[in-house]
Amino acid sequence: MLFHEEGFDPEKIAFLEDCLDTACGLAPKLANVECNGEVRKKLALAILEGVARGMRARDELIDFALRSLPPYRLKRAG
């Protein structure tokens, strides 16, 4: 299983990095924000929070991370 309670194995780290890289790549288009250090950190923390909440699907984690950005939330609500 990719996610288990024993920590972050290399496969899991690679998966999480892919989610983060994808979210960063989408942020300029979908949230109109540049993925600088601060935004990247916010997205990374959101992905880790998503995992802690039980999210496992790549697209679900990416969307959850993007929702940590107010412009993305506003765009989705509008």
C-alpha atoms as a PDB file:
ATOM      1  CA  MET A   1       0.000   0.000   0.000  1.00  0.00           C
ATOM      2  CA  LEU A   2       1.337   3.433  -0.932  1.00  0.00           C
ATOM      3  CA  PHE A   3       0.235   5.125   2.292  1.00  0.00           C
ATOM      4  CA  HIS A   4       0.754   3.476   5.624  1.00  0.00           C
ATOM      5  CA  GLU A   5       1.338   4.658   9.149  1.00  0.00           C
ATOM      6  CA  GLU A   6       5.112   4.116   9.134  1.00  0.00           C
ATOM      7  CA  GLY A   7       6.117   7.365   7.441  1.00  0.00           C
ATOM      8  CA  PHE A   8       7.188   8.482   4.013  1.00  0.00           C
ATOM      9  CA  ASP A   9       8.846   5.799   1.923  1.00  0.00           C
ATOM     10  CA  PRO A  10      10.558   6.746  -1.373  1.00  0.00           C
ATOM     11  CA  GLU A  11       7.506   5.775  -3.434  1.00  0.00           C
ATOM     12  CA  LYS A  12       5.247   7.961  -1.319  1.00  0.00           C
ATOM     13  CA  ILE A  13       7.692  10.881  -1.452  1.00  0.00           C
ATOM     14  CA  ALA A  14       7.847  10.641  -5.251  1.00  0.00           C
ATOM     15  CA  PHE A  15       4.036  10.568  -5.409  1.00  0.00           C
ATOM     16  CA  LEU A  16       3.736  13.624  -3.150  1.00  0.00           C
ATOM     17  CA  GLU A  17       6.418  15.488  -5.145  1.00  0.00           C
ATOM     18  CA  ASP A  18       4.501  14.757  -8.342  1.00  0.00           C
ATOM     19  CA  CYS A  19       1.302  16.118  -6.774  1.00  0.00           C
ATOM     20  CA  LEU A  20       3.151  19.245  -5.651  1.00  0.00           C
ATOM     21  CA  ASP A  21       4.834  19.804  -9.013  1.00  0.00           C
ATOM     22  CA  THR A  22       1.501  19.421 -10.792  1.00  0.00           C
ATOM     23  CA  ALA A  23      -0.281  21.800  -8.408  1.00  0.00           C
ATOM     24  CA  CYS A  24       2.527  24.346  -8.895  1.00  0.00           C
ATOM     25  CA  GLY A  25       2.240  23.985 -12.632  1.00  0.00           C
ATOM     26  CA  LEU A  26      -1.505  24.585 -12.518  1.00  0.00           C
ATOM     27  CA  ALA A  27      -1.457  27.476 -10.026  1.00  0.00           C
ATOM     28  CA  PRO A  28      -0.618  30.242 -12.542  1.00  0.00           C
ATOM     29  CA  LYS A  29      -3.414  29.197 -14.901  1.00  0.00           C
ATOM     30  CA  LEU A  30      -6.099  28.173 -12.402  1.00  0.00           C
ATOM     31  CA  ALA A  31      -5.398  30.576  -9.528  1.00  0.00           C
ATOM     32  CA  ASN A  32      -3.546  33.378 -11.322  1.00  0.00           C
ATOM     33  CA  VAL A  33      -0.635  33.123  -8.879  1.00  0.00           C
ATOM     34  CA  GLU A  34       3.036  32.456  -9.521  1.00  0.00           C
ATOM     35  CA  CYS A  35       4.294  29.329  -7.799  1.00  0.00           C
ATOM     36  CA  ASN A  36       7.064  31.017  -5.836  1.00  0.00           C
ATOM     37  CA  GLY A  37       8.567  29.684  -2.618  1.00  0.00           C
ATOM     38  CA  GLU A  38       5.696  30.869  -0.423  1.00  0.00           C
ATOM     39  CA  VAL A  39       2.980  29.453  -2.675  1.00  0.00           C
ATOM     40  CA  ARG A  40       4.878  26.185  -3.141  1.00  0.00           C
ATOM     41  CA  LYS A  41       5.157  25.830   0.643  1.00  0.00           C
ATOM     42  CA  LYS A  42       1.427  26.495   1.058  1.00  0.00           C
ATOM     43  CA  LEU A  43       0.607  23.852  -1.568  1.00  0.00           C
ATOM     44  CA  ALA A  44       2.990  21.337   0.029  1.00  0.00           C
ATOM     45  CA  LEU A  45       1.448  21.831   3.462  1.00  0.00           C
ATOM     46  CA  ALA A  46      -2.026  21.432   1.992  1.00  0.00           C
ATOM     47  CA  ILE A  47      -1.030  18.166   0.314  1.00  0.00           C
ATOM     48  CA  LEU A  48       0.311  16.840   3.608  1.00  0.00           C
ATOM     49  CA  GLU A  49      -2.910  17.933   5.313  1.00  0.00           C
ATOM     50  CA  GLY A  50      -4.905  16.127   2.642  1.00  0.00           C
ATOM     51  CA  VAL A  51      -2.942  12.939   3.274  1.00  0.00           C
ATOM     52  CA  ALA A  52      -3.520  13.341   7.020  1.00  0.00           C
ATOM     53  CA  ARG A  53      -7.259  13.639   6.304  1.00  0.00           C
ATOM     54  CA  GLY A  54      -7.186  10.363   4.402  1.00  0.00           C
ATOM     55  CA  MET A  55      -6.992  11.593   0.815  1.00  0.00           C
ATOM     56  CA  ARG A  56      -5.117   9.202  -1.444  1.00  0.00           C
ATOM     57  CA  ALA A  57      -6.060  10.023  -5.036  1.00  0.00           C
ATOM     58  CA  ARG A  58      -3.655  12.221  -6.984  1.00  0.00           C
ATOM     59  CA  ASP A  59      -6.327  14.508  -8.451  1.00  0.00           C
ATOM     60  CA  GLU A  60      -8.032  14.845  -5.077  1.00  0.00           C
ATOM     61  CA  LEU A  61      -4.773  15.917  -3.410  1.00  0.00           C
ATOM     62  CA  ILE A  62      -3.952  18.380  -6.183  1.00  0.00           C
ATOM     63  CA  ASP A  63      -7.402  19.968  -6.017  1.00  0.00           C
ATOM     64  CA  PHE A  64      -7.232  20.121  -2.212  1.00  0.00           C
ATOM     65  CA  ALA A  65      -3.861  21.865  -2.444  1.00  0.00           C
ATOM     66  CA  LEU A  66      -5.105  24.363  -5.015  1.00  0.00           C
ATOM     67  CA  ARG A  67      -8.091  25.129  -2.784  1.00  0.00           C
ATOM     68  CA  SER A  68      -5.598  26.457  -0.222  1.00  0.00           C
ATOM     69  CA  LEU A  69      -5.151  29.399  -2.612  1.00  0.00           C
ATOM     70  CA  PRO A  70      -7.930  32.008  -2.215  1.00  0.00           C
ATOM     71  CA  PRO A  71      -7.999  32.977  -5.939  1.00  0.00           C
ATOM     72  CA  TYR A  72      -8.630  29.322  -6.864  1.00  0.00           C
ATOM     73  CA  ARG A  73     -11.467  29.040  -4.341  1.00  0.00           C
ATOM     74  CA  LEU A  74     -13.055  32.230  -5.684  1.00  0.00           C
ATOM     75  CA  LYS A  75     -12.746  31.036  -9.266  1.00  0.00           C
ATOM     76  CA  ARG A  76     -14.399  27.707  -8.389  1.00  0.00           C
ATOM     77  CA  ALA A  77     -17.208  29.418  -6.480  1.00  0.00           C
ATOM     78  CA  GLY A  78     -17.898  31.978  -9.196  1.00  0.00           C
END
